[in-house]
């Protein structure tokens, strides 16, 4: 497992969103730069040198939750939230094992307000496995 806990930047999320814009018919653009920055940087905040979101699961969940609920993009917020969380997990040594339908249900539940951040952390703990990123 990669223990570096790679952090995303705004540019990373812009690029992930651009991939989705080219793959799907999405209205391009950012609706609110401040909400995007909040969603991207909140998972990596610290207080008195302690991570507010200490585990990979906490960080991945907050990233997804923030992007899905802040609606920073004109279109594709749920897709960007899910894609960003997935890529973040992969580069940090985890993969999602849930079925496509379960993943779709999860992101819809988040956007509808039917799943809390804590519940998403628990969902990730049950539906991910460690992978070897040193291949």
Protein backbone atom coordinates (compact mmCIF):
# COMPACT_ATOMS: atom_id res chain seq x y z
CA UNK A 1 0.00 0.00 0.00
CA UNK A 2 1.15 3.52 -0.76
CA UNK A 3 1.26 5.39 2.54
CA UNK A 4 2.07 8.79 1.02
CA UNK A 5 -1.60 9.85 1.11
CA UNK A 6 -1.43 11.78 -2.12
CA UNK A 7 -3.51 14.95 -2.04
CA UNK A 8 -5.52 16.40 -4.89
CA UNK A 9 -5.24 19.97 -6.12
CA UNK A 10 -7.82 22.08 -7.91
CA UNK A 11 -6.01 21.34 -11.17
CA UNK A 12 -6.36 17.59 -10.59
CA UNK A 13 -10.13 17.94 -10.17
CA UNK A 14 -10.38 20.23 -13.22
CA UNK A 15 -8.62 17.55 -15.27
CA UNK A 16 -10.80 14.73 -13.94
CA UNK A 17 -13.91 16.80 -14.67
CA UNK A 18 -12.62 17.59 -18.18
CA UNK A 19 -12.25 13.85 -18.83
CA UNK A 20 -15.91 13.41 -17.93
CA UNK A 21 -16.97 16.40 -20.05
CA UNK A 22 -15.35 14.78 -23.07
CA UNK A 23 -16.78 11.32 -22.32
CA UNK A 24 -20.36 12.43 -21.54
CA UNK A 25 -22.64 15.16 -22.81
CA UNK A 26 -22.15 17.66 -19.98
CA UNK A 27 -22.57 21.40 -19.90
CA UNK A 28 -19.01 22.69 -19.42
CA UNK A 29 -17.80 25.03 -16.75
CA UNK A 30 -17.44 25.77 -13.09
CA UNK A 31 -20.46 27.24 -11.32
CA UNK A 32 -18.64 28.31 -8.14
CA UNK A 33 -14.84 28.35 -7.71
CA UNK A 34 -15.06 28.78 -3.94
CA UNK A 35 -17.31 25.75 -3.48
CA UNK A 36 -14.93 23.74 -5.67
CA UNK A 37 -11.92 24.81 -3.60
CA UNK A 38 -13.79 23.95 -0.40
CA UNK A 39 -14.66 20.48 -1.67
CA UNK A 40 -11.10 19.79 -2.86
CA UNK A 41 -9.15 21.08 0.13
CA UNK A 42 -11.42 20.20 3.08
CA UNK A 43 -10.36 16.50 3.16
CA UNK A 44 -6.75 17.57 3.74
CA UNK A 45 -7.28 20.15 6.48
CA UNK A 46 -5.45 19.90 9.78
CA UNK A 47 -5.87 21.41 13.23
CA UNK A 48 -2.87 21.61 15.54
CA UNK A 49 -0.98 19.34 13.13
CA UNK A 50 -3.67 16.63 13.27
CA UNK A 51 -5.62 15.63 10.19
CA UNK A 52 -9.31 16.45 10.52
CA UNK A 53 -9.96 13.51 8.18
CA UNK A 54 -7.28 11.04 9.31
CA UNK A 55 -7.85 7.92 7.21
CA UNK A 56 -7.88 7.36 3.47
CA UNK A 57 -11.54 6.45 3.87
CA UNK A 58 -12.27 9.74 5.67
CA UNK A 59 -10.46 11.77 3.02
CA UNK A 60 -12.02 9.93 0.07
CA UNK A 61 -15.49 10.20 1.58
CA UNK A 62 -15.14 13.93 2.29
CA UNK A 63 -13.83 14.58 -1.22
CA UNK A 64 -16.78 12.76 -2.77
CA UNK A 65 -19.30 14.22 -0.36
CA UNK A 66 -18.06 17.77 -0.87
CA UNK A 67 -18.08 17.59 -4.67
CA UNK A 68 -21.49 15.93 -4.79
CA UNK A 69 -23.14 18.35 -2.36
CA UNK A 70 -21.38 21.64 -3.16
CA UNK A 71 -22.36 21.40 -6.85
CA UNK A 72 -19.33 23.43 -7.96
CA UNK A 73 -19.64 22.47 -11.64
CA UNK A 74 -22.35 23.45 -14.07
CA UNK A 75 -23.04 19.77 -14.75
CA UNK A 76 -21.66 16.35 -13.82
CA UNK A 77 -21.15 16.92 -10.10
CA UNK A 78 -22.09 13.37 -9.04
CA UNK A 79 -19.93 11.88 -11.79
CA UNK A 80 -17.00 14.10 -10.85
CA UNK A 81 -17.45 13.29 -7.16
CA UNK A 82 -17.47 9.56 -7.81
CA UNK A 83 -14.62 9.65 -10.35
CA UNK A 84 -12.47 11.80 -8.06
CA UNK A 85 -13.07 9.53 -5.09
CA UNK A 86 -12.28 6.44 -7.16
CA UNK A 87 -9.04 7.89 -8.56
CA UNK A 88 -8.03 9.11 -5.10
CA UNK A 89 -8.56 5.63 -3.66
CA UNK A 90 -6.65 3.94 -6.50
CA UNK A 91 -3.58 6.19 -6.24
CA UNK A 92 -3.55 5.65 -2.49
CA UNK A 93 -3.72 1.86 -2.75
CA UNK A 94 -7.43 0.96 -2.57
CA UNK A 95 -10.04 -0.23 -5.04
CA UNK A 96 -13.82 -0.29 -4.80
CA UNK A 97 -15.30 -3.81 -4.86
CA UNK A 98 -19.01 -2.92 -4.88
CA UNK A 99 -21.15 -3.61 -7.93
CA UNK A 100 -21.80 -0.83 -10.41
CA UNK A 101 -25.42 -0.69 -9.23
CA UNK A 102 -24.36 -0.37 -5.58
CA UNK A 103 -21.96 2.44 -6.50
CA UNK A 104 -24.67 4.25 -8.46
CA UNK A 105 -27.10 3.88 -5.56
CA UNK A 106 -24.47 5.22 -3.16
CA UNK A 107 -23.76 8.41 -5.14
CA UNK A 108 -27.47 9.04 -5.68
CA UNK A 109 -28.07 8.60 -1.93
CA UNK A 110 -25.33 11.13 -1.18
CA UNK A 111 -26.72 13.71 -3.59
CA UNK A 112 -30.27 13.18 -2.30
CA UNK A 113 -29.17 13.66 1.31
CA UNK A 114 -29.92 10.05 2.22
CA UNK A 115 -26.32 9.13 3.14
CA UNK A 116 -24.12 11.03 5.58
CA UNK A 117 -20.38 11.44 5.31
CA UNK A 118 -19.96 8.99 8.21
CA UNK A 119 -22.13 6.44 6.43
CA UNK A 120 -20.03 6.89 3.28
CA UNK A 121 -16.87 6.20 5.31
CA UNK A 122 -18.47 2.99 6.60
CA UNK A 123 -19.58 2.07 3.07
CA UNK A 124 -16.01 2.52 1.80
CA UNK A 125 -14.60 0.40 4.63
CA UNK A 126 -16.92 -2.44 3.62
CA UNK A 127 -16.56 -2.03 -0.14
CA UNK A 128 -12.84 -1.52 -0.78
CA UNK A 129 -9.72 -3.66 -0.77
CA UNK A 130 -6.05 -2.77 -0.62
CA UNK A 131 -4.20 -3.09 -3.91
CA UNK A 132 -0.53 -3.13 -4.81
CA UNK A 133 0.35 0.21 -6.41
CA UNK A 134 4.00 -0.76 -6.89
CA UNK A 135 3.43 -2.82 -10.02
